[in-house]
PDB file of N, CA and C in Angstrom:
ATOM      1  N   MET A   1     170.578  16.651 -13.940  1.00  0.00           N
ATOM      2  CA  MET A   1     171.817  15.910 -14.058  1.00  0.00           C
ATOM      3  C   MET A   1     171.873  15.248 -15.427  1.00  0.00           C
ATOM      4  N   SER A   2     173.020  15.324 -16.015  1.00  0.00           N
ATOM      5  CA  SER A   2     173.155  14.723 -17.331  1.00  0.00           C
ATOM      6  C   SER A   2     174.310  13.736 -17.336  1.00  0.00           C
ATOM      7  N   ALA A   3     174.272  12.890 -18.334  1.00  0.00           N
ATOM      8  CA  ALA A   3     175.323  11.895 -18.520  1.00  0.00           C
ATOM      9  C   ALA A   3     175.411  11.602 -20.002  1.00  0.00           C
ATOM     10  N   GLY A   4     176.543  11.112 -20.409  1.00  0.00           N
ATOM     11  CA  GLY A   4     176.709  10.765 -21.807  1.00  0.00           C
ATOM     12  C   GLY A   4     177.755   9.688 -21.992  1.00  0.00           C
ATOM     13  N   ILE A   5     177.731   9.124 -23.184  1.00  0.00           N
ATOM     14  CA  ILE A   5     178.706   8.099 -23.551  1.00  0.00           C
ATOM     15  C   ILE A   5     179.277   8.465 -24.910  1.00  0.00           C
ATOM     16  N   GLU A   6     180.588   8.458 -24.981  1.00  0.00           N
ATOM     17  CA  GLU A   6     181.271   8.717 -26.241  1.00  0.00           C
ATOM     18  C   GLU A   6     182.029   7.451 -26.627  1.00  0.00           C
ATOM     19  N   GLN A   7     181.856   7.027 -27.866  1.00  0.00           N
ATOM     20  CA  GLN A   7     182.596   5.865 -28.341  1.00  0.00           C
ATOM     21  C   GLN A   7     184.008   6.303 -28.683  1.00  0.00           C
ATOM     22  N   THR A   8     184.978   5.494 -28.261  1.00  0.00           N
ATOM     23  CA  THR A   8     186.384   5.756 -28.563  1.00  0.00           C
ATOM     24  C   THR A   8     186.976   4.505 -29.199  1.00  0.00           C
ATOM     25  N   ALA A   9     188.193   4.613 -29.667  1.00  0.00           N
ATOM     26  CA  ALA A   9     188.857   3.444 -30.251  1.00  0.00           C
ATOM     27  C   ALA A   9     189.021   2.326 -29.226  1.00  0.00           C
ATOM     28  N   ALA A  10     189.170   2.700 -27.961  1.00  0.00           N
ATOM     29  CA  ALA A  10     189.373   1.706 -26.905  1.00  0.00           C
ATOM     30  C   ALA A  10     188.065   1.161 -26.342  1.00  0.00           C
ATOM     31  N   GLY A  11     186.962   1.867 -26.532  1.00  0.00           N
ATOM     32  CA  GLY A  11     185.683   1.451 -25.958  1.00  0.00           C
ATOM     33  C   GLY A  11     184.765   2.634 -25.787  1.00  0.00           C
ATOM     34  N   ILE A  12     184.558   3.054 -24.512  1.00  0.00           N
ATOM     35  CA  ILE A  12     183.687   4.198 -24.237  1.00  0.00           C
ATOM     36  C   ILE A  12     184.298   5.106 -23.177  1.00  0.00           C
ATOM     37  N   THR A  13     183.903   6.371 -23.240  1.00  0.00           N
ATOM     38  CA  THR A  13     184.182   7.332 -22.182  1.00  0.00           C
ATOM     39  C   THR A  13     182.836   7.797 -21.664  1.00  0.00           C
ATOM     40  N   VAL A  14     182.660   7.739 -20.358  1.00  0.00           N
ATOM     41  CA  VAL A  14     181.411   8.161 -19.726  1.00  0.00           C
ATOM     42  C   VAL A  14     181.617   9.558 -19.160  1.00  0.00           C
ATOM     43  N   THR A  15     180.620  10.427 -19.369  1.00  0.00           N
ATOM     44  CA  THR A  15     180.695  11.792 -18.853  1.00  0.00           C
ATOM     45  C   THR A  15     179.477  12.087 -17.980  1.00  0.00           C
ATOM     46  N   GLY A  16     179.661  12.987 -17.038  1.00  0.00           N
ATOM     47  CA  GLY A  16     178.542  13.441 -16.221  1.00  0.00           C
ATOM     48  C   GLY A  16     178.287  12.596 -15.000  1.00  0.00           C
ATOM     49  N   HIS A  17     177.000  12.329 -14.753  1.00  0.00           N
ATOM     50  CA  HIS A  17     176.557  11.671 -13.531  1.00  0.00           C
ATOM     51  C   HIS A  17     176.069  10.256 -13.811  1.00  0.00           C
ATOM     52  N   MET A  18     176.630   9.282 -13.096  1.00  0.00           N
ATOM     53  CA  MET A  18     176.159   7.890 -13.168  1.00  0.00           C
ATOM     54  C   MET A  18     175.328   7.652 -11.914  1.00  0.00           C
ATOM     55  N   THR A  19     174.056   8.045 -11.996  1.00  0.00           N
ATOM     56  CA  THR A  19     173.170   8.013 -10.835  1.00  0.00           C
ATOM     57  C   THR A  19     171.838   7.362 -11.188  1.00  0.00           C
ATOM     58  N   MET A  20     170.971   7.267 -10.210  1.00  0.00           N
ATOM     59  CA  MET A  20     169.649   6.683 -10.401  1.00  0.00           C
ATOM     60  C   MET A  20     168.922   7.342 -11.583  1.00  0.00           C
ATOM     61  N   GLU A  21     169.072   8.639 -11.715  1.00  0.00           N
ATOM     62  CA  GLU A  21     168.378   9.373 -12.775  1.00  0.00           C
ATOM     63  C   GLU A  21     168.890   9.032 -14.172  1.00  0.00           C
ATOM     64  N   THR A  22     170.133   8.654 -14.293  1.00  0.00           N
ATOM     65  CA  THR A  22     170.722   8.420 -15.615  1.00  0.00           C
ATOM     66  C   THR A  22     171.017   6.950 -15.898  1.00  0.00           C
ATOM     67  N   ALA A  23     170.821   6.088 -14.917  1.00  0.00           N
ATOM     68  CA  ALA A  23     171.265   4.691 -15.023  1.00  0.00           C
ATOM     69  C   ALA A  23     170.650   3.934 -16.196  1.00  0.00           C
ATOM     70  N   ALA A  24     169.351   4.021 -16.384  1.00  0.00           N
ATOM     71  CA  ALA A  24     168.701   3.245 -17.451  1.00  0.00           C
ATOM     72  C   ALA A  24     169.226   3.637 -18.827  1.00  0.00           C
ATOM     73  N   ALA A  25     169.338   4.938 -19.071  1.00  0.00           N
ATOM     74  CA  ALA A  25     169.830   5.408 -20.365  1.00  0.00           C
ATOM     75  C   ALA A  25     171.293   5.026 -20.574  1.00  0.00           C
ATOM     76  N   LEU A  26     172.107   5.164 -19.523  1.00  0.00           N
ATOM     77  CA  LEU A  26     173.518   4.786 -19.635  1.00  0.00           C
ATOM     78  C   LEU A  26     173.680   3.290 -19.885  1.00  0.00           C
ATOM     79  N   LEU A  27     172.910   2.480 -19.190  1.00  0.00           N
ATOM     80  CA  LEU A  27     173.001   1.032 -19.370  1.00  0.00           C
ATOM     81  C   LEU A  27     172.710   0.663 -20.815  1.00  0.00           C
ATOM     82  N   ALA A  28     171.633   1.196 -21.360  1.00  0.00           N
ATOM     83  CA  ALA A  28     171.251   0.870 -22.736  1.00  0.00           C
ATOM     84  C   ALA A  28     172.287   1.369 -23.739  1.00  0.00           C
ATOM     85  N   ALA A  29     172.687   2.611 -23.617  1.00  0.00           N
ATOM     86  CA  ALA A  29     173.633   3.185 -24.570  1.00  0.00           C
ATOM     87  C   ALA A  29     175.000   2.511 -24.486  1.00  0.00           C
ATOM     88  N   GLY A  30     175.471   2.288 -23.274  1.00  0.00           N
ATOM     89  CA  GLY A  30     176.782   1.663 -23.104  1.00  0.00           C
ATOM     90  C   GLY A  30     176.802   0.227 -23.569  1.00  0.00           C
ATOM     91  N   THR A  31     175.728  -0.508 -23.302  1.00  0.00           N
ATOM     92  CA  THR A  31     175.657  -1.900 -23.749  1.00  0.00           C
ATOM     93  C   THR A  31     175.707  -1.960 -25.256  1.00  0.00           C
ATOM     94  N   ASP A  32     175.002  -1.048 -25.912  1.00  0.00           N
ATOM     95  CA  ASP A  32     174.994  -1.011 -27.376  1.00  0.00           C
ATOM     96  C   ASP A  32     176.388  -0.732 -27.933  1.00  0.00           C
ATOM     97  N   VAL A  33     177.044   0.281 -27.409  1.00  0.00           N
ATOM     98  CA  VAL A  33     178.376   0.663 -27.913  1.00  0.00           C
ATOM     99  C   VAL A  33     179.417  -0.395 -27.570  1.00  0.00           C
ATOM    100  N   LEU A  34     179.408  -0.885 -26.341  1.00  0.00           N
ATOM    101  CA  LEU A  34     180.390  -1.897 -25.944  1.00  0.00           C
ATOM    102  C   LEU A  34     180.184  -3.202 -26.713  1.00  0.00           C
ATOM    103  N   GLY A  35     178.971  -3.452 -27.172  1.00  0.00           N
ATOM    104  CA  GLY A  35     178.695  -4.648 -27.953  1.00  0.00           C
ATOM    105  C   GLY A  35     179.316  -4.618 -29.334  1.00  0.00           C
ATOM    106  N   LYS A  36     179.726  -3.427 -29.762  1.00  0.00           N
ATOM    107  CA  LYS A  36     180.282  -3.271 -31.102  1.00  0.00           C
ATOM    108  C   LYS A  36     181.785  -3.030 -31.112  1.00  0.00           C
ATOM    109  N   GLY A  37     182.366  -2.777 -29.944  1.00  0.00           N
ATOM    110  CA  GLY A  37     183.761  -2.362 -29.947  1.00  0.00           C
ATOM    111  C   GLY A  37     184.577  -2.963 -28.836  1.00  0.00           C
ATOM    112  N   ALA A  38     185.660  -2.265 -28.526  1.00  0.00           N
ATOM    113  CA  ALA A  38     186.589  -2.727 -27.505  1.00  0.00           C
ATOM    114  C   ALA A  38     185.984  -2.569 -26.110  1.00  0.00           C
ATOM    115  N   PRO A  39     186.332  -3.450 -25.184  1.00  0.00           N
ATOM    116  CA  PRO A  39     185.710  -3.473 -23.858  1.00  0.00           C
ATOM    117  C   PRO A  39     186.420  -2.648 -22.789  1.00  0.00           C
ATOM    118  N   VAL A  40     186.665  -1.361 -23.074  1.00  0.00           N
ATOM    119  CA  VAL A  40     187.302  -0.491 -22.089  1.00  0.00           C
ATOM    120  C   VAL A  40     186.347   0.654 -21.778  1.00  0.00           C
ATOM    121  N   CYS A  41     186.166   0.924 -20.500  1.00  0.00           N
ATOM    122  CA  CYS A  41     185.267   1.971 -20.034  1.00  0.00           C
ATOM    123  C   CYS A  41     186.087   2.998 -19.252  1.00  0.00           C
ATOM    124  N   ASP A  42     186.202   4.197 -19.801  1.00  0.00           N
ATOM    125  CA  ASP A  42     186.969   5.274 -19.170  1.00  0.00           C
ATOM    126  C   ASP A  42     186.017   6.146 -18.361  1.00  0.00           C
ATOM    127  N   LEU A  43     186.264   6.249 -17.067  1.00  0.00           N
ATOM    128  CA  LEU A  43     185.403   7.018 -16.173  1.00  0.00           C
ATOM    129  C   LEU A  43     186.036   8.337 -15.739  1.00  0.00           C
ATOM    130  N   SER A  44     187.061   8.801 -16.439  1.00  0.00           N
ATOM    131  CA  SER A  44     187.765  10.018 -16.030  1.00  0.00           C
ATOM    132  C   SER A  44     186.884  11.258 -16.045  1.00  0.00           C
ATOM    133  N   ALA A  45     185.815  11.268 -16.824  1.00  0.00           N
ATOM    134  CA  ALA A  45     184.937  12.442 -16.920  1.00  0.00           C
ATOM    135  C   ALA A  45     183.641  12.278 -16.136  1.00  0.00           C
ATOM    136  N   VAL A  46     183.575  11.286 -15.253  1.00  0.00           N
ATOM    137  CA  VAL A  46     182.386  11.096 -14.419  1.00  0.00           C
ATOM    138  C   VAL A  46     182.449  12.077 -13.253  1.00  0.00           C
ATOM    139  N   ALA A  47     181.394  12.876 -13.117  1.00  0.00           N
ATOM    140  CA  ALA A  47     181.341  13.880 -12.055  1.00  0.00           C
ATOM    141  C   ALA A  47     180.827  13.300 -10.743  1.00  0.00           C
ATOM    142  N   HIS A  48     179.908  12.328 -10.833  1.00  0.00           N
ATOM    143  CA  HIS A  48     179.325  11.727  -9.632  1.00  0.00           C
ATOM    144  C   HIS A  48     178.841  10.329  -9.972  1.00  0.00           C
ATOM    145  N   ILE A  49     179.016   9.402  -9.038  1.00  0.00           N
ATOM    146  CA  ILE A  49     178.523   8.041  -9.223  1.00  0.00           C
ATOM    147  C   ILE A  49     177.907   7.570  -7.913  1.00  0.00           C
ATOM    148  N   ASP A  50     176.761   6.895  -8.024  1.00  0.00           N
ATOM    149  CA  ASP A  50     176.134   6.307  -6.846  1.00  0.00           C
ATOM    150  C   ASP A  50     175.956   4.813  -7.088  1.00  0.00           C
ATOM    151  N   SER A  51     175.206   4.151  -6.226  1.00  0.00           N
ATOM    152  CA  SER A  51     175.065   2.696  -6.340  1.00  0.00           C
ATOM    153  C   SER A  51     174.386   2.281  -7.649  1.00  0.00           C
ATOM    154  N   ALA A  52     173.550   3.139  -8.212  1.00  0.00           N
ATOM    155  CA  ALA A  52     172.939   2.832  -9.510  1.00  0.00           C
ATOM    156  C   ALA A  52     174.014   2.813 -10.603  1.00  0.00           C
ATOM    157  N   GLY A  53     174.978   3.704 -10.495  1.00  0.00           N
ATOM    158  CA  GLY A  53     176.094   3.703 -11.442  1.00  0.00           C
ATOM    159  C   GLY A  53     176.923   2.441 -11.326  1.00  0.00           C
ATOM    160  N   LEU A  54     177.091   1.970 -10.115  1.00  0.00           N
ATOM    161  CA  LEU A  54     177.795   0.705  -9.888  1.00  0.00           C
ATOM    162  C   LEU A  54     177.036  -0.436 -10.565  1.00  0.00           C
ATOM    163  N   ALA A  55     175.723  -0.418 -10.463  1.00  0.00           N
ATOM    164  CA  ALA A  55     174.903  -1.442 -11.120  1.00  0.00           C
ATOM    165  C   ALA A  55     175.044  -1.373 -12.633  1.00  0.00           C
ATOM    166  N   VAL A  56     175.156  -0.176 -13.190  1.00  0.00           N
ATOM    167  CA  VAL A  56     175.367  -0.013 -14.633  1.00  0.00           C
ATOM    168  C   VAL A  56     176.669  -0.692 -15.046  1.00  0.00           C
ATOM    169  N   LEU A  57     177.717  -0.490 -14.273  1.00  0.00           N
ATOM    170  CA  LEU A  57     179.004  -1.115 -14.592  1.00  0.00           C
ATOM    171  C   LEU A  57     178.896  -2.636 -14.600  1.00  0.00           C
ATOM    172  N   PHE A  58     178.147  -3.190 -13.658  1.00  0.00           N
ATOM    173  CA  PHE A  58     177.958  -4.649 -13.650  1.00  0.00           C
ATOM    174  C   PHE A  58     177.136  -5.104 -14.853  1.00  0.00           C
ATOM    175  N   GLY A  59     176.177  -4.303 -15.268  1.00  0.00           N
ATOM    176  CA  GLY A  59     175.413  -4.634 -16.472  1.00  0.00           C
ATOM    177  C   GLY A  59     176.296  -4.639 -17.700  1.00  0.00           C
ATOM    178  N   TRP A  60     177.156  -3.637 -17.816  1.00  0.00           N
ATOM    179  CA  TRP A  60     178.094  -3.608 -18.950  1.00  0.00           C
ATOM    180  C   TRP A  60     179.055  -4.782 -18.886  1.00  0.00           C
ATOM    181  N   GLN A  61     179.492  -5.106 -17.677  1.00  0.00           N
ATOM    182  CA  GLN A  61     180.416  -6.229 -17.513  1.00  0.00           C
ATOM    183  C   GLN A  61     179.766  -7.525 -18.005  1.00  0.00           C
ATOM    184  N   ARG A  62     178.519  -7.756 -17.637  1.00  0.00           N
ATOM    185  CA  ARG A  62     177.806  -8.966 -18.088  1.00  0.00           C
ATOM    186  C   ARG A  62     177.689  -9.004 -19.607  1.00  0.00           C
ATOM    187  N   ALA A  63     177.381  -7.863 -20.206  1.00  0.00           N
ATOM    188  CA  ALA A  63     177.229  -7.803 -21.660  1.00  0.00           C
ATOM    189  C   ALA A  63     178.548  -8.122 -22.373  1.00  0.00           C
ATOM    190  N   VAL A  64     179.630  -7.584 -21.870  1.00  0.00           N
ATOM    191  CA  VAL A  64     180.945  -7.823 -22.471  1.00  0.00           C
ATOM    192  C   VAL A  64     181.367  -9.278 -22.256  1.00  0.00           C
ATOM    193  N   GLU A  65     181.129  -9.812 -21.068  1.00  0.00           N
ATOM    194  CA  GLU A  65     181.487 -11.207 -20.791  1.00  0.00           C
ATOM    195  C   GLU A  65     180.680 -12.176 -21.645  1.00  0.00           C
ATOM    196  N   ALA A  66     179.464 -11.801 -22.021  1.00  0.00           N
ATOM    197  CA  ALA A  66     178.647 -12.650 -22.898  1.00  0.00           C
ATOM    198  C   ALA A  66     179.292 -12.792 -24.274  1.00  0.00           C
ATOM    199  N   ARG A  67     180.149 -11.836 -24.639  1.00  0.00           N
ATOM    200  CA  ARG A  67     180.900 -11.901 -25.897  1.00  0.00           C
ATOM    201  C   ARG A  67     182.246 -12.596 -25.715  1.00  0.00           C
ATOM    202  N   GLY A  68     182.516 -13.083 -24.513  1.00  0.00           N
ATOM    203  CA  GLY A  68     183.773 -13.774 -24.259  1.00  0.00           C
ATOM    204  C   GLY A  68     184.935 -12.854 -23.963  1.00  0.00           C
ATOM    205  N   GLN A  69     184.657 -11.601 -23.592  1.00  0.00           N
ATOM    206  CA  GLN A  69     185.704 -10.642 -23.273  1.00  0.00           C
ATOM    207  C   GLN A  69     185.548 -10.184 -21.826  1.00  0.00           C
ATOM    208  N   SER A  70     186.480  -9.377 -21.365  1.00  0.00           N
ATOM    209  CA  SER A  70     186.434  -8.816 -20.011  1.00  0.00           C
ATOM    210  C   SER A  70     186.385  -7.300 -20.110  1.00  0.00           C
ATOM    211  N   LEU A  71     185.501  -6.690 -19.332  1.00  0.00           N
ATOM    212  CA  LEU A  71     185.424  -5.234 -19.282  1.00  0.00           C
ATOM    213  C   LEU A  71     186.556  -4.708 -18.418  1.00  0.00           C
ATOM    214  N   ARG A  72     187.251  -3.711 -18.923  1.00  0.00           N
ATOM    215  CA  ARG A  72     188.299  -3.046 -18.147  1.00  0.00           C
ATOM    216  C   ARG A  72     187.838  -1.625 -17.869  1.00  0.00           C
ATOM    217  N   ILE A  73     187.824  -1.253 -16.599  1.00  0.00           N
ATOM    218  CA  ILE A  73     187.387   0.075 -16.187  1.00  0.00           C
ATOM    219  C   ILE A  73     188.631   0.876 -15.837  1.00  0.00           C
ATOM    220  N   VAL A  74     188.830   1.993 -16.545  1.00  0.00           N
ATOM    221  CA  VAL A  74     190.009   2.825 -16.305  1.00  0.00           C
ATOM    222  C   VAL A  74     189.593   4.174 -15.735  1.00  0.00           C
ATOM    223  N   ASN A  75     190.489   4.764 -14.982  1.00  0.00           N
ATOM    224  CA  ASN A  75     190.301   6.072 -14.351  1.00  0.00           C
ATOM    225  C   ASN A  75     189.040   6.135 -13.481  1.00  0.00           C
ATOM    226  N   PRO A  76     188.850   5.134 -12.609  1.00  0.00           N
ATOM    227  CA  PRO A  76     187.660   5.163 -11.755  1.00  0.00           C
ATOM    228  C   PRO A  76     187.761   6.296 -10.734  1.00  0.00           C
ATOM    229  N   PRO A  77     186.667   7.021 -10.511  1.00  0.00           N
ATOM    230  CA  PRO A  77     186.707   8.060  -9.476  1.00  0.00           C
ATOM    231  C   PRO A  77     186.826   7.428  -8.088  1.00  0.00           C
ATOM    232  N   ALA A  78     187.365   8.178  -7.163  1.00  0.00           N
ATOM    233  CA  ALA A  78     187.530   7.676  -5.791  1.00  0.00           C
ATOM    234  C   ALA A  78     186.196   7.239  -5.200  1.00  0.00           C
ATOM    235  N   SER A  79     185.115   7.913  -5.568  1.00  0.00           N
ATOM    236  CA  SER A  79     183.802   7.553  -5.031  1.00  0.00           C
ATOM    237  C   SER A  79     183.376   6.151  -5.489  1.00  0.00           C
ATOM    238  N   LEU A  80     183.752   5.756  -6.695  1.00  0.00           N
ATOM    239  CA  LEU A  80     183.446   4.402  -7.173  1.00  0.00           C
ATOM    240  C   LEU A  80     184.246   3.373  -6.384  1.00  0.00           C
ATOM    241  N   ILE A  81     185.496   3.642  -6.160  1.00  0.00           N
ATOM    242  CA  ILE A  81     186.336   2.720  -5.400  1.00  0.00           C
ATOM    243  C   ILE A  81     185.777   2.564  -3.988  1.00  0.00           C
ATOM    244  N   GLY A  82     185.349   3.674  -3.392  1.00  0.00           N
ATOM    245  CA  GLY A  82     184.747   3.628  -2.066  1.00  0.00           C
ATOM    246  C   GLY A  82     183.453   2.825  -2.041  1.00  0.00           C
ATOM    247  N   LEU A  83     182.589   3.039  -3.026  1.00  0.00           N
ATOM    248  CA  LEU A  83     181.335   2.277  -3.109  1.00  0.00           C
ATOM    249  C   LEU A  83     181.602   0.785  -3.264  1.00  0.00           C
ATOM    250  N   ALA A  84     182.525   0.456  -4.154  1.00  0.00           N
ATOM    251  CA  ALA A  84     182.847  -0.953  -4.384  1.00  0.00           C
ATOM    252  C   ALA A  84     183.385  -1.600  -3.112  1.00  0.00           C
ATOM    253  N   ASP A  85     184.168  -0.853  -2.348  1.00  0.00           N
ATOM    254  CA  ASP A  85     184.687  -1.372  -1.075  1.00  0.00           C
ATOM    255  C   ASP A  85     183.562  -1.577  -0.066  1.00  0.00           C
ATOM    256  N   VAL A  86     182.674  -0.589   0.039  1.00  0.00           N
ATOM    257  CA  VAL A  86     181.565  -0.674   0.995  1.00  0.00           C
ATOM    258  C   VAL A  86     180.672  -1.878   0.692  1.00  0.00           C
ATOM    259  N   TYR A  87     180.389  -2.098  -0.586  1.00  0.00           N
ATOM    260  CA  TYR A  87     179.522  -3.210  -0.981  1.00  0.00           C
ATOM    261  C   TYR A  87     180.270  -4.538  -1.089  1.00  0.00           C
ATOM    262  N   GLY A  88     181.580  -4.508  -0.928  1.00  0.00           N
ATOM    263  CA  GLY A  88     182.371  -5.729  -0.981  1.00  0.00           C
ATOM    264  C   GLY A  88     182.471  -6.345  -2.364  1.00  0.00           C
ATOM    265  N   VAL A  89     182.472  -5.482  -3.392  1.00  0.00           N
ATOM    266  CA  VAL A  89     182.507  -5.999  -4.770  1.00  0.00           C
ATOM    267  C   VAL A  89     183.756  -5.549  -5.545  1.00  0.00           C
ATOM    268  N   SER A  90     184.705  -4.987  -4.853  1.00  0.00           N
ATOM    269  CA  SER A  90     185.918  -4.484  -5.520  1.00  0.00           C
ATOM    270  C   SER A  90     186.578  -5.548  -6.387  1.00  0.00           C
ATOM    271  N   GLU A  91     186.644  -6.763  -5.855  1.00  0.00           N
ATOM    272  CA  GLU A  91     187.331  -7.822  -6.581  1.00  0.00           C
ATOM    273  C   GLU A  91     186.548  -8.306  -7.806  1.00  0.00           C
ATOM    274  N   LEU A  92     185.284  -7.906  -7.929  1.00  0.00           N
ATOM    275  CA  LEU A  92     184.466  -8.324  -9.063  1.00  0.00           C
ATOM    276  C   LEU A  92     184.592  -7.382 -10.256  1.00  0.00           C
ATOM    277  N   LEU A  93     185.136  -6.179 -10.011  1.00  0.00           N
ATOM    278  CA  LEU A  93     185.320  -5.206 -11.078  1.00  0.00           C
ATOM    279  C   LEU A  93     186.800  -5.092 -11.416  1.00  0.00           C
ATOM    280  N   SER A  94     187.070  -4.932 -12.683  1.00  0.00           N
ATOM    281  CA  SER A  94     188.457  -4.749 -13.118  1.00  0.00           C
ATOM    282  C   SER A  94     188.748  -3.258 -13.168  1.00  0.00           C
ATOM    283  N   LEU A  95     189.105  -2.689 -12.016  1.00  0.00           N
ATOM    284  CA  LEU A  95     189.392  -1.265 -11.904  1.00  0.00           C
ATOM    285  C   LEU A  95     190.887  -1.017 -12.050  1.00  0.00           C
ATOM    286  N   SER A  96     191.234  -0.130 -12.983  1.00  0.00           N
ATOM    287  CA  SER A  96     192.666   0.203 -13.121  1.00  0.00           C
ATOM    288  C   SER A  96     192.854   1.688 -13.320  1.00  0.00           C
TER     289      SER A  96
END
């Protein structure tokens, strides 16, 4: 399983799998890129996300909030919305 992060003018686009296998690398790479740019995370190219991917999003959110900004997550896959609902954290993420 692979995953990647592409820097865009708006922030980042995540590709591939946001899972236990890719979480550590995604957290580090995304935190670095989001620390330098706009706080928007596009998930339109995410093929699969599990609870580790949800944890990555919270890590990015903390990093962006430490800069006094808010992370905006766009194009969340249905599986992310379902996970957030199951864990009762939907209201903690800015999903649009």
